[in-house]
Amino acid sequence: MSATLENTRQHKIARLIQKDLSDIFLRYARSLHGTLISVSEVRISPDLSIAHVYLSIFPQDREQSTMELIEQDHGKLRGELGTLERHQLRIIPELHFHLDETIDKMERIDSLLKR
């Protein structure tokens, strides 16, 4: 398979995972009362076995506790993803959750530029 075709497949799968995980986290956040979780990016390994999922959590003071809950429910979340994607993917990738710090970095840069 050519590199371009393989890369296109990775992007399609990453977008599919991002969409489905966004739906899952929309339902998941309801139990957290007032916490919003958005999937800002998904990067998938070339062999499609690992998906790095970047999450934005609001309010920021709940980021750490929410990430801990997500790690505890890791298997349940992967199972829900598997249910949604069972017809599109043969193997559901292992999920690695990361806190997306892009907004924090942008705010720091903005505050530095305003000085």
PDB file of N, CA and C in Angstrom:
ATOM      1  N   MET A   1       0.840  -1.174   0.000  1.00  0.00           N
ATOM      2  CA  MET A   1       0.000   0.000   0.000  1.00  0.00           C
ATOM      3  C   MET A   1       0.888   1.241   0.000  1.00  0.00           C
ATOM      4  N   SER A   2       0.521   2.249  -0.754  1.00  0.00           N
ATOM      5  CA  SER A   2       1.340   3.451  -0.822  1.00  0.00           C
ATOM      6  C   SER A   2       1.215   4.247   0.473  1.00  0.00           C
ATOM      7  N   ALA A   3       2.220   5.090   0.725  1.00  0.00           N
ATOM      8  CA  ALA A   3       2.238   5.890   1.949  1.00  0.00           C
ATOM      9  C   ALA A   3       1.051   6.852   2.003  1.00  0.00           C
ATOM     10  N   THR A   4       0.688   7.420   0.866  1.00  0.00           N
ATOM     11  CA  THR A   4      -0.432   8.363   0.827  1.00  0.00           C
ATOM     12  C   THR A   4      -1.745   7.663   1.157  1.00  0.00           C
ATOM     13  N   LEU A   5      -1.948   6.495   0.595  1.00  0.00           N
ATOM     14  CA  LEU A   5      -3.169   5.732   0.856  1.00  0.00           C
ATOM     15  C   LEU A   5      -3.236   5.322   2.327  1.00  0.00           C
ATOM     16  N   GLU A   6      -2.111   4.892   2.854  1.00  0.00           N
ATOM     17  CA  GLU A   6      -2.049   4.498   4.266  1.00  0.00           C
ATOM     18  C   GLU A   6      -2.329   5.699   5.164  1.00  0.00           C
ATOM     19  N   ASN A   7      -1.754   6.846   4.825  1.00  0.00           N
ATOM     20  CA  ASN A   7      -1.956   8.056   5.604  1.00  0.00           C
ATOM     21  C   ASN A   7      -3.418   8.492   5.554  1.00  0.00           C
ATOM     22  N   THR A   8      -4.046   8.391   4.397  1.00  0.00           N
ATOM     23  CA  THR A   8      -5.460   8.733   4.251  1.00  0.00           C
ATOM     24  C   THR A   8      -6.314   7.823   5.123  1.00  0.00           C
ATOM     25  N   ARG A   9      -5.996   6.550   5.143  1.00  0.00           N
ATOM     26  CA  ARG A   9      -6.738   5.595   5.984  1.00  0.00           C
ATOM     27  C   ARG A   9      -6.605   5.967   7.465  1.00  0.00           C
ATOM     28  N   GLN A  10      -5.397   6.315   7.895  1.00  0.00           N
ATOM     29  CA  GLN A  10      -5.187   6.732   9.287  1.00  0.00           C
ATOM     30  C   GLN A  10      -6.060   7.939   9.624  1.00  0.00           C
ATOM     31  N   HIS A  11      -6.094   8.927   8.732  1.00  0.00           N
ATOM     32  CA  HIS A  11      -6.886  10.135   8.984  1.00  0.00           C
ATOM     33  C   HIS A  11      -8.378   9.817   9.042  1.00  0.00           C
ATOM     34  N   LYS A  12      -8.855   8.964   8.162  1.00  0.00           N
ATOM     35  CA  LYS A  12     -10.273   8.593   8.173  1.00  0.00           C
ATOM     36  C   LYS A  12     -10.645   7.892   9.475  1.00  0.00           C
ATOM     37  N   ILE A  13      -9.800   6.973   9.892  1.00  0.00           N
ATOM     38  CA  ILE A  13     -10.069   6.242  11.137  1.00  0.00           C
ATOM     39  C   ILE A  13      -9.980   7.178  12.335  1.00  0.00           C
ATOM     40  N   ALA A  14      -9.004   8.081  12.326  1.00  0.00           N
ATOM     41  CA  ALA A  14      -8.867   9.043  13.424  1.00  0.00           C
ATOM     42  C   ALA A  14     -10.110   9.924  13.524  1.00  0.00           C
ATOM     43  N   ARG A  15     -10.632  10.382  12.389  1.00  0.00           N
ATOM     44  CA  ARG A  15     -11.843  11.208  12.393  1.00  0.00           C
ATOM     45  C   ARG A  15     -13.055  10.411  12.889  1.00  0.00           C
ATOM     46  N   LEU A  16     -13.155   9.158  12.475  1.00  0.00           N
ATOM     47  CA  LEU A  16     -14.247   8.297  12.927  1.00  0.00           C
ATOM     48  C   LEU A  16     -14.192   8.115  14.449  1.00  0.00           C
ATOM     49  N   ILE A  17     -13.007   7.837  14.960  1.00  0.00           N
ATOM     50  CA  ILE A  17     -12.829   7.660  16.412  1.00  0.00           C
ATOM     51  C   ILE A  17     -13.149   8.954  17.141  1.00  0.00           C
ATOM     52  N   GLN A  18     -12.687  10.088  16.598  1.00  0.00           N
ATOM     53  CA  GLN A  18     -12.946  11.383  17.231  1.00  0.00           C
ATOM     54  C   GLN A  18     -14.449  11.645  17.314  1.00  0.00           C
ATOM     55  N   LYS A  19     -15.165  11.389  16.240  1.00  0.00           N
ATOM     56  CA  LYS A  19     -16.611  11.618  16.221  1.00  0.00           C
ATOM     57  C   LYS A  19     -17.324  10.717  17.229  1.00  0.00           C
ATOM     58  N   ASP A  20     -16.989   9.431  17.202  1.00  0.00           N
ATOM     59  CA  ASP A  20     -17.667   8.500  18.104  1.00  0.00           C
ATOM     60  C   ASP A  20     -17.310   8.766  19.570  1.00  0.00           C
ATOM     61  N   LEU A  21     -16.060   9.071  19.842  1.00  0.00           N
ATOM     62  CA  LEU A  21     -15.680   9.385  21.227  1.00  0.00           C
ATOM     63  C   LEU A  21     -16.329  10.687  21.694  1.00  0.00           C
ATOM     64  N   SER A  22     -16.503  11.636  20.796  1.00  0.00           N
ATOM     65  CA  SER A  22     -17.193  12.880  21.161  1.00  0.00           C
ATOM     66  C   SER A  22     -18.614  12.574  21.624  1.00  0.00           C
ATOM     67  N   ASP A  23     -19.298  11.689  20.901  1.00  0.00           N
ATOM     68  CA  ASP A  23     -20.653  11.279  21.299  1.00  0.00           C
ATOM     69  C   ASP A  23     -20.636  10.563  22.649  1.00  0.00           C
ATOM     70  N   ILE A  24     -19.668   9.690  22.838  1.00  0.00           N
ATOM     71  CA  ILE A  24     -19.552   8.955  24.100  1.00  0.00           C
ATOM     72  C   ILE A  24     -19.297   9.916  25.252  1.00  0.00           C
ATOM     73  N   PHE A  25     -18.383  10.876  25.066  1.00  0.00           N
ATOM     74  CA  PHE A  25     -18.061  11.818  26.146  1.00  0.00           C
ATOM     75  C   PHE A  25     -19.193  12.805  26.413  1.00  0.00           C
ATOM     76  N   LEU A  26     -20.020  13.059  25.426  1.00  0.00           N
ATOM     77  CA  LEU A  26     -21.191  13.907  25.653  1.00  0.00           C
ATOM     78  C   LEU A  26     -22.113  13.239  26.673  1.00  0.00           C
ATOM     79  N   ARG A  27     -22.337  11.946  26.507  1.00  0.00           N
ATOM     80  CA  ARG A  27     -23.154  11.191  27.473  1.00  0.00           C
ATOM     81  C   ARG A  27     -22.416  11.036  28.808  1.00  0.00           C
ATOM     82  N   TYR A  28     -21.116  10.766  28.739  1.00  0.00           N
ATOM     83  CA  TYR A  28     -20.298  10.540  29.936  1.00  0.00           C
ATOM     84  C   TYR A  28     -20.277  11.787  30.832  1.00  0.00           C
ATOM     85  N   ALA A  29     -20.183  12.965  30.211  1.00  0.00           N
ATOM     86  CA  ALA A  29     -20.073  14.211  30.977  1.00  0.00           C
ATOM     87  C   ALA A  29     -21.361  14.541  31.730  1.00  0.00           C
ATOM     88  N   ARG A  30     -22.482  13.997  31.274  1.00  0.00           N
ATOM     89  CA  ARG A  30     -23.746  14.246  31.988  1.00  0.00           C
ATOM     90  C   ARG A  30     -23.662  13.764  33.432  1.00  0.00           C
ATOM     91  N   SER A  31     -22.938  12.676  33.658  1.00  0.00           N
ATOM     92  CA  SER A  31     -22.804  12.152  35.021  1.00  0.00           C
ATOM     93  C   SER A  31     -21.833  12.984  35.858  1.00  0.00           C
ATOM     94  N   LEU A  32     -21.094  13.874  35.226  1.00  0.00           N
ATOM     95  CA  LEU A  32     -20.116  14.701  35.936  1.00  0.00           C
ATOM     96  C   LEU A  32     -20.669  16.083  36.292  1.00  0.00           C
ATOM     97  N   HIS A  33     -21.917  16.344  35.949  1.00  0.00           N
ATOM     98  CA  HIS A  33     -22.632  17.564  36.327  1.00  0.00           C
ATOM     99  C   HIS A  33     -21.790  18.835  36.177  1.00  0.00           C
ATOM    100  N   GLY A  34     -21.890  19.442  35.015  1.00  0.00           N
ATOM    101  CA  GLY A  34     -21.245  20.727  34.805  1.00  0.00           C
ATOM    102  C   GLY A  34     -19.850  20.656  34.213  1.00  0.00           C
ATOM    103  N   THR A  35     -19.382  19.478  33.890  1.00  0.00           N
ATOM    104  CA  THR A  35     -18.072  19.328  33.264  1.00  0.00           C
ATOM    105  C   THR A  35     -18.262  19.034  31.787  1.00  0.00           C
ATOM    106  N   LEU A  36     -17.555  19.771  30.949  1.00  0.00           N
ATOM    107  CA  LEU A  36     -17.602  19.548  29.507  1.00  0.00           C
ATOM    108  C   LEU A  36     -16.316  18.867  29.063  1.00  0.00           C
ATOM    109  N   ILE A  37     -16.458  17.849  28.245  1.00  0.00           N
ATOM    110  CA  ILE A  37     -15.302  17.128  27.714  1.00  0.00           C
ATOM    111  C   ILE A  37     -15.421  17.143  26.199  1.00  0.00           C
ATOM    112  N   SER A  38     -14.390  17.649  25.531  1.00  0.00           N
ATOM    113  CA  SER A  38     -14.406  17.601  24.071  1.00  0.00           C
ATOM    114  C   SER A  38     -13.141  16.907  23.576  1.00  0.00           C
ATOM    115  N   VAL A  39     -13.293  16.170  22.503  1.00  0.00           N
ATOM    116  CA  VAL A  39     -12.170  15.461  21.891  1.00  0.00           C
ATOM    117  C   VAL A  39     -11.589  16.409  20.847  1.00  0.00           C
ATOM    118  N   SER A  40     -10.427  16.992  21.155  1.00  0.00           N
ATOM    119  CA  SER A  40      -9.859  17.991  20.254  1.00  0.00           C
ATOM    120  C   SER A  40      -9.067  17.370  19.117  1.00  0.00           C
ATOM    121  N   GLU A  41      -8.502  16.187  19.352  1.00  0.00           N
ATOM    122  CA  GLU A  41      -7.716  15.549  18.292  1.00  0.00           C
ATOM    123  C   GLU A  41      -7.534  14.062  18.608  1.00  0.00           C
ATOM    124  N   VAL A  42      -7.423  13.276  17.561  1.00  0.00           N
ATOM    125  CA  VAL A  42      -7.075  11.859  17.689  1.00  0.00           C
ATOM    126  C   VAL A  42      -5.947  11.593  16.704  1.00  0.00           C
ATOM    127  N   ARG A  43      -4.882  10.999  17.202  1.00  0.00           N
ATOM    128  CA  ARG A  43      -3.765  10.584  16.345  1.00  0.00           C
ATOM    129  C   ARG A  43      -3.642   9.076  16.467  1.00  0.00           C
ATOM    130  N   ILE A  44      -3.626   8.416  15.319  1.00  0.00           N
ATOM    131  CA  ILE A  44      -3.599   6.953  15.332  1.00  0.00           C
ATOM    132  C   ILE A  44      -2.266   6.459  14.788  1.00  0.00           C
ATOM    133  N   SER A  45      -1.756   5.392  15.375  1.00  0.00           N
ATOM    134  CA  SER A  45      -0.471   4.834  14.948  1.00  0.00           C
ATOM    135  C   SER A  45      -0.600   4.235  13.550  1.00  0.00           C
ATOM    136  N   PRO A  46       0.515   4.134  12.822  1.00  0.00           N
ATOM    137  CA  PRO A  46       0.467   3.586  11.453  1.00  0.00           C
ATOM    138  C   PRO A  46      -0.131   2.183  11.369  1.00  0.00           C
ATOM    139  N   ASP A  47       0.052   1.373  12.414  1.00  0.00           N
ATOM    140  CA  ASP A  47      -0.520   0.019  12.385  1.00  0.00           C
ATOM    141  C   ASP A  47      -1.959  -0.026  12.922  1.00  0.00           C
ATOM    142  N   LEU A  48      -2.514   1.154  13.238  1.00  0.00           N
ATOM    143  CA  LEU A  48      -3.900   1.324  13.688  1.00  0.00           C
ATOM    144  C   LEU A  48      -4.192   0.661  15.032  1.00  0.00           C
ATOM    145  N   SER A  49      -3.169   0.361  15.805  1.00  0.00           N
ATOM    146  CA  SER A  49      -3.382  -0.339  17.072  1.00  0.00           C
ATOM    147  C   SER A  49      -3.487   0.595  18.279  1.00  0.00           C
ATOM    148  N   ILE A  50      -3.006   1.827  18.141  1.00  0.00           N
ATOM    149  CA  ILE A  50      -3.017   2.775  19.263  1.00  0.00           C
ATOM    150  C   ILE A  50      -3.586   4.101  18.789  1.00  0.00           C
ATOM    151  N   ALA A  51      -4.533   4.628  19.561  1.00  0.00           N
ATOM    152  CA  ALA A  51      -5.100   5.946  19.281  1.00  0.00           C
ATOM    153  C   ALA A  51      -4.780   6.860  20.454  1.00  0.00           C
ATOM    154  N   HIS A  52      -4.083   7.955  20.166  1.00  0.00           N
ATOM    155  CA  HIS A  52      -3.806   8.974  21.173  1.00  0.00           C
ATOM    156  C   HIS A  52      -4.931   9.990  21.085  1.00  0.00           C
ATOM    157  N   VAL A  53      -5.688  10.107  22.170  1.00  0.00           N
ATOM    158  CA  VAL A  53      -6.885  10.944  22.204  1.00  0.00           C
ATOM    159  C   VAL A  53      -6.597  12.154  23.091  1.00  0.00           C
ATOM    160  N   TYR A  54      -6.726  13.349  22.497  1.00  0.00           N
ATOM    161  CA  TYR A  54      -6.465  14.596  23.217  1.00  0.00           C
ATOM    162  C   TYR A  54      -7.790  15.217  23.622  1.00  0.00           C
ATOM    163  N   LEU A  55      -7.941  15.475  24.921  1.00  0.00           N
ATOM    164  CA  LEU A  55      -9.199  15.959  25.485  1.00  0.00           C
ATOM    165  C   LEU A  55      -9.047  17.365  26.045  1.00  0.00           C
ATOM    166  N   SER A  56     -10.063  18.178  25.821  1.00  0.00           N
ATOM    167  CA  SER A  56     -10.184  19.481  26.464  1.00  0.00           C
ATOM    168  C   SER A  56     -11.288  19.358  27.497  1.00  0.00           C
ATOM    169  N   ILE A  57     -10.998  19.811  28.703  1.00  0.00           N
ATOM    170  CA  ILE A  57     -11.960  19.680  29.804  1.00  0.00           C
ATOM    171  C   ILE A  57     -12.222  21.061  30.391  1.00  0.00           C
ATOM    172  N   PHE A  58     -13.507  21.369  30.577  1.00  0.00           N
ATOM    173  CA  PHE A  58     -13.897  22.639  31.153  1.00  0.00           C
ATOM    174  C   PHE A  58     -14.896  22.371  32.261  1.00  0.00           C
ATOM    175  N   PRO A  59     -14.795  22.982  33.398  1.00  0.00           N
ATOM    176  CA  PRO A  59     -13.836  23.994  33.822  1.00  0.00           C
ATOM    177  C   PRO A  59     -12.468  23.385  34.112  1.00  0.00           C
ATOM    178  N   GLN A  60     -11.460  24.232  34.010  1.00  0.00           N
ATOM    179  CA  GLN A  60     -10.081  23.760  34.142  1.00  0.00           C
ATOM    180  C   GLN A  60      -9.764  23.199  35.521  1.00  0.00           C
ATOM    181  N   ASP A  61     -10.450  23.655  36.547  1.00  0.00           N
ATOM    182  CA  ASP A  61     -10.152  23.140  37.884  1.00  0.00           C
ATOM    183  C   ASP A  61     -10.585  21.685  38.071  1.00  0.00           C
ATOM    184  N   ARG A  62     -11.328  21.151  37.113  1.00  0.00           N
ATOM    185  CA  ARG A  62     -11.748  19.744  37.174  1.00  0.00           C
ATOM    186  C   ARG A  62     -10.946  18.843  36.235  1.00  0.00           C
ATOM    187  N   GLU A  63      -9.943  19.392  35.577  1.00  0.00           N
ATOM    188  CA  GLU A  63      -9.188  18.613  34.588  1.00  0.00           C
ATOM    189  C   GLU A  63      -8.585  17.353  35.187  1.00  0.00           C
ATOM    190  N   GLN A  64      -7.854  17.506  36.287  1.00  0.00           N
ATOM    191  CA  GLN A  64      -7.135  16.368  36.868  1.00  0.00           C
ATOM    192  C   GLN A  64      -8.089  15.282  37.358  1.00  0.00           C
ATOM    193  N   SER A  65      -9.126  15.677  38.090  1.00  0.00           N
ATOM    194  CA  SER A  65     -10.064  14.678  38.622  1.00  0.00           C
ATOM    195  C   SER A  65     -10.827  13.989  37.488  1.00  0.00           C
ATOM    196  N   THR A  66     -11.165  14.740  36.441  1.00  0.00           N
ATOM    197  CA  THR A  66     -11.875  14.147  35.306  1.00  0.00           C
ATOM    198  C   THR A  66     -10.976  13.175  34.550  1.00  0.00           C
ATOM    199  N   MET A  67      -9.707  13.541  34.352  1.00  0.00           N
ATOM    200  CA  MET A  67      -8.769  12.636  33.680  1.00  0.00           C
ATOM    201  C   MET A  67      -8.598  11.345  34.487  1.00  0.00           C
ATOM    202  N   GLU A  68      -8.580  11.442  35.805  1.00  0.00           N
ATOM    203  CA  GLU A  68      -8.467  10.252  36.648  1.00  0.00           C
ATOM    204  C   GLU A  68      -9.690   9.343  36.462  1.00  0.00           C
ATOM    205  N   LEU A  69     -10.874   9.939  36.410  1.00  0.00           N
ATOM    206  CA  LEU A  69     -12.098   9.154  36.180  1.00  0.00           C
ATOM    207  C   LEU A  69     -12.074   8.487  34.809  1.00  0.00           C
ATOM    208  N   ILE A  70     -11.616   9.214  33.799  1.00  0.00           N
ATOM    209  CA  ILE A  70     -11.536   8.667  32.447  1.00  0.00           C
ATOM    210  C   ILE A  70     -10.570   7.484  32.418  1.00  0.00           C
ATOM    211  N   GLU A  71      -9.439   7.606  33.094  1.00  0.00           N
ATOM    212  CA  GLU A  71      -8.476   6.498  33.144  1.00  0.00           C
ATOM    213  C   GLU A  71      -9.078   5.286  33.851  1.00  0.00           C
ATOM    214  N   GLN A  72      -9.864   5.520  34.911  1.00  0.00           N
ATOM    215  CA  GLN A  72     -10.521   4.415  35.618  1.00  0.00           C
ATOM    216  C   GLN A  72     -11.538   3.712  34.714  1.00  0.00           C
ATOM    217  N   ASP A  73     -12.232   4.493  33.894  1.00  0.00           N
ATOM    218  CA  ASP A  73     -13.275   3.950  33.015  1.00  0.00           C
ATOM    219  C   ASP A  73     -12.752   3.625  31.620  1.00  0.00           C
ATOM    220  N   HIS A  74     -11.452   3.545  31.480  1.00  0.00           N
ATOM    221  CA  HIS A  74     -10.792   3.320  30.187  1.00  0.00           C
ATOM    222  C   HIS A  74     -11.384   2.120  29.444  1.00  0.00           C
ATOM    223  N   GLY A  75     -11.518   1.000  30.118  1.00  0.00           N
ATOM    224  CA  GLY A  75     -12.044  -0.217  29.484  1.00  0.00           C
ATOM    225  C   GLY A  75     -13.483  -0.065  29.040  1.00  0.00           C
ATOM    226  N   LYS A  76     -14.291   0.582  29.863  1.00  0.00           N
ATOM    227  CA  LYS A  76     -15.701   0.811  29.531  1.00  0.00           C
ATOM    228  C   LYS A  76     -15.803   1.711  28.297  1.00  0.00           C
ATOM    229  N   LEU A  77     -14.988   2.753  28.247  1.00  0.00           N
ATOM    230  CA  LEU A  77     -15.017   3.682  27.110  1.00  0.00           C
ATOM    231  C   LEU A  77     -14.586   2.982  25.821  1.00  0.00           C
ATOM    232  N   ARG A  78     -13.562   2.150  25.905  1.00  0.00           N
ATOM    233  CA  ARG A  78     -13.100   1.408  24.728  1.00  0.00           C
ATOM    234  C   ARG A  78     -14.188   0.422  24.271  1.00  0.00           C
ATOM    235  N   GLY A  79     -14.878  -0.190  25.243  1.00  0.00           N
ATOM    236  CA  GLY A  79     -15.968  -1.101  24.913  1.00  0.00           C
ATOM    237  C   GLY A  79     -17.108  -0.401  24.191  1.00  0.00           C
ATOM    238  N   GLU A  80     -17.459   0.818  24.661  1.00  0.00           N
ATOM    239  CA  GLU A  80     -18.509   1.586  23.989  1.00  0.00           C
ATOM    240  C   GLU A  80     -18.070   1.959  22.578  1.00  0.00           C
ATOM    241  N   LEU A  81     -16.808   2.328  22.422  1.00  0.00           N
ATOM    242  CA  LEU A  81     -16.282   2.648  21.096  1.00  0.00           C
ATOM    243  C   LEU A  81     -16.358   1.422  20.192  1.00  0.00           C
ATOM    244  N   GLY A  82     -16.019   0.267  20.743  1.00  0.00           N
ATOM    245  CA  GLY A  82     -16.085  -0.977  19.986  1.00  0.00           C
ATOM    246  C   GLY A  82     -17.492  -1.288  19.518  1.00  0.00           C
ATOM    247  N   THR A  83     -18.473  -1.009  20.361  1.00  0.00           N
ATOM    248  CA  THR A  83     -19.869  -1.231  19.982  1.00  0.00           C
ATOM    249  C   THR A  83     -20.260  -0.334  18.807  1.00  0.00           C
ATOM    250  N   LEU A  84     -19.823   0.926  18.847  1.00  0.00           N
ATOM    251  CA  LEU A  84     -20.165   1.867  17.781  1.00  0.00           C
ATOM    252  C   LEU A  84     -19.445   1.559  16.471  1.00  0.00           C
ATOM    253  N   GLU A  85     -18.228   1.037  16.577  1.00  0.00           N
ATOM    254  CA  GLU A  85     -17.391   0.867  15.383  1.00  0.00           C
ATOM    255  C   GLU A  85     -17.203  -0.587  14.960  1.00  0.00           C
ATOM    256  N   ARG A  86     -18.002  -1.483  15.491  1.00  0.00           N
ATOM    257  CA  ARG A  86     -17.780  -2.906  15.216  1.00  0.00           C
ATOM    258  C   ARG A  86     -17.904  -3.265  13.740  1.00  0.00           C
ATOM    259  N   HIS A  87     -18.641  -2.458  12.979  1.00  0.00           N
ATOM    260  CA  HIS A  87     -18.802  -2.757  11.555  1.00  0.00           C
ATOM    261  C   HIS A  87     -17.772  -2.037  10.684  1.00  0.00           C
ATOM    262  N   GLN A  88     -17.082  -1.042  11.254  1.00  0.00           N
ATOM    263  CA  GLN A  88     -16.106  -0.292  10.477  1.00  0.00           C
ATOM    264  C   GLN A  88     -14.667  -0.769  10.705  1.00  0.00           C
ATOM    265  N   LEU A  89     -14.367  -1.242  11.905  1.00  0.00           N
ATOM    266  CA  LEU A  89     -12.995  -1.625  12.238  1.00  0.00           C
ATOM    267  C   LEU A  89     -12.938  -3.071  12.706  1.00  0.00           C
ATOM    268  N   ARG A  90     -11.916  -3.775  12.256  1.00  0.00           N
ATOM    269  CA  ARG A  90     -11.728  -5.156  12.723  1.00  0.00           C
ATOM    270  C   ARG A  90     -11.221  -5.163  14.158  1.00  0.00           C
ATOM    271  N   ILE A  91     -10.276  -4.270  14.436  1.00  0.00           N
ATOM    272  CA  ILE A  91      -9.668  -4.197  15.769  1.00  0.00           C
ATOM    273  C   ILE A  91      -9.866  -2.781  16.303  1.00  0.00           C
ATOM    274  N   ILE A  92     -10.377  -2.670  17.517  1.00  0.00           N
ATOM    275  CA  ILE A  92     -10.534  -1.362  18.152  1.00  0.00           C
ATOM    276  C   ILE A  92      -9.184  -1.002  18.777  1.00  0.00           C
ATOM    277  N   PRO A  93      -8.633   0.153  18.416  1.00  0.00           N
ATOM    278  CA  PRO A  93      -7.301   0.504  18.931  1.00  0.00           C
ATOM    279  C   PRO A  93      -7.299   0.725  20.439  1.00  0.00           C
ATOM    280  N   GLU A  94      -6.149   0.513  21.026  1.00  0.00           N
ATOM    281  CA  GLU A  94      -5.930   0.827  22.439  1.00  0.00           C
ATOM    282  C   GLU A  94      -5.992   2.348  22.563  1.00  0.00           C
ATOM    283  N   LEU A  95      -6.702   2.849  23.563  1.00  0.00           N
ATOM    284  CA  LEU A  95      -6.868   4.290  23.722  1.00  0.00           C
ATOM    285  C   LEU A  95      -5.910   4.834  24.772  1.00  0.00           C
ATOM    286  N   HIS A  96      -5.188   5.874  24.407  1.00  0.00           N
ATOM    287  CA  HIS A  96      -4.312   6.590  25.335  1.00  0.00           C
ATOM    288  C   HIS A  96      -4.831   8.021  25.427  1.00  0.00           C
ATOM    289  N   PHE A  97      -5.307   8.393  26.616  1.00  0.00           N
ATOM    290  CA  PHE A  97      -5.906   9.712  26.796  1.00  0.00           C
ATOM    291  C   PHE A  97      -4.863  10.708  27.280  1.00  0.00           C
ATOM    292  N   HIS A  98      -4.904  11.905  26.678  1.00  0.00           N
ATOM    293  CA  HIS A  98      -3.996  12.992  27.042  1.00  0.00           C
ATOM    294  C   HIS A  98      -4.819  14.264  27.212  1.00  0.00           C
ATOM    295  N   LEU A  99      -4.368  15.108  28.110  1.00  0.00           N
ATOM    296  CA  LEU A  99      -5.000  16.403  28.287  1.00  0.00           C
ATOM    297  C   LEU A  99      -4.465  17.347  27.220  1.00  0.00           C
ATOM    298  N   ASP A 100      -5.355  17.945  26.455  1.00  0.00           N
ATOM    299  CA  ASP A 100      -4.947  18.896  25.417  1.00  0.00           C
ATOM    300  C   ASP A 100      -4.643  20.225  26.086  1.00  0.00           C
ATOM    301  N   GLU A 101      -3.415  20.642  26.016  1.00  0.00           N
ATOM    302  CA  GLU A 101      -2.991  21.874  26.680  1.00  0.00           C
ATOM    303  C   GLU A 101      -2.829  23.023  25.700  1.00  0.00           C
ATOM    304  N   THR A 102      -3.368  22.892  24.512  1.00  0.00           N
ATOM    305  CA  THR A 102      -3.239  23.927  23.491  1.00  0.00           C
ATOM    306  C   THR A 102      -3.848  25.246  23.955  1.00  0.00           C
ATOM    307  N   ILE A 103      -5.031  25.193  24.560  1.00  0.00           N
ATOM    308  CA  ILE A 103      -5.706  26.417  25.007  1.00  0.00           C
ATOM    309  C   ILE A 103      -4.891  27.095  26.102  1.00  0.00           C
ATOM    310  N   ASP A 104      -4.347  26.299  27.040  1.00  0.00           N
ATOM    311  CA  ASP A 104      -3.512  26.864  28.094  1.00  0.00           C
ATOM    312  C   ASP A 104      -2.301  27.574  27.507  1.00  0.00           C
ATOM    313  N   LYS A 105      -1.660  26.937  26.526  1.00  0.00           N
ATOM    314  CA  LYS A 105      -0.486  27.541  25.895  1.00  0.00           C
ATOM    315  C   LYS A 105      -0.853  28.828  25.177  1.00  0.00           C
ATOM    316  N   MET A 106      -1.997  28.828  24.489  1.00  0.00           N
ATOM    317  CA  MET A 106      -2.428  30.033  23.787  1.00  0.00           C
ATOM    318  C   MET A 106      -2.702  31.171  24.766  1.00  0.00           C
ATOM    319  N   GLU A 107      -3.317  30.857  25.900  1.00  0.00           N
ATOM    320  CA  GLU A 107      -3.599  31.880  26.906  1.00  0.00           C
ATOM    321  C   GLU A 107      -2.311  32.449  27.490  1.00  0.00           C
ATOM    322  N   ARG A 108      -1.317  31.583  27.738  1.00  0.00           N
ATOM    323  CA  ARG A 108      -0.030  32.060  28.256  1.00  0.00           C
ATOM    324  C   ARG A 108       0.667  32.971  27.256  1.00  0.00           C
ATOM    325  N   ILE A 109       0.650  32.573  26.002  1.00  0.00           N
ATOM    326  CA  ILE A 109       1.273  33.396  24.956  1.00  0.00           C
ATOM    327  C   ILE A 109       0.546  34.728  24.850  1.00  0.00           C
ATOM    328  N   ASP A 110      -0.787  34.684  24.882  1.00  0.00           N
ATOM    329  CA  ASP A 110      -1.583  35.901  24.802  1.00  0.00           C
ATOM    330  C   ASP A 110      -1.271  36.843  25.954  1.00  0.00           C
ATOM    331  N   SER A 111      -1.177  36.294  27.161  1.00  0.00           N
ATOM    332  CA  SER A 111      -0.878  37.156  28.313  1.00  0.00           C
ATOM    333  C   SER A 111       0.531  37.728  28.237  1.00  0.00           C
ATOM    334  N   LEU A 112       1.475  36.963  27.700  1.00  0.00           N
ATOM    335  CA  LEU A 112       2.833  37.481  27.527  1.00  0.00           C
ATOM    336  C   LEU A 112       2.873  38.602  26.491  1.00  0.00           C
ATOM    337  N   LEU A 113       2.082  38.454  25.439  1.00  0.00           N
ATOM    338  CA  LEU A 113       2.064  39.475  24.380  1.00  0.00           C
ATOM    339  C   LEU A 113       1.376  40.762  24.845  1.00  0.00           C
ATOM    340  N   LYS A 114       0.492  40.655  25.804  1.00  0.00           N
ATOM    341  CA  LYS A 114      -0.216  41.834  26.299  1.00  0.00           C
ATOM    342  C   LYS A 114       0.604  42.660  27.272  1.00  0.00           C
ATOM    343  N   ARG A 115       1.709  42.135  27.739  1.00  0.00           N
ATOM    344  CA  ARG A 115       2.549  42.878  28.699  1.00  0.00           C
ATOM    345  C   ARG A 115       3.240  44.026  28.055  1.00  0.00           C
TER     346      ARG A 115
END
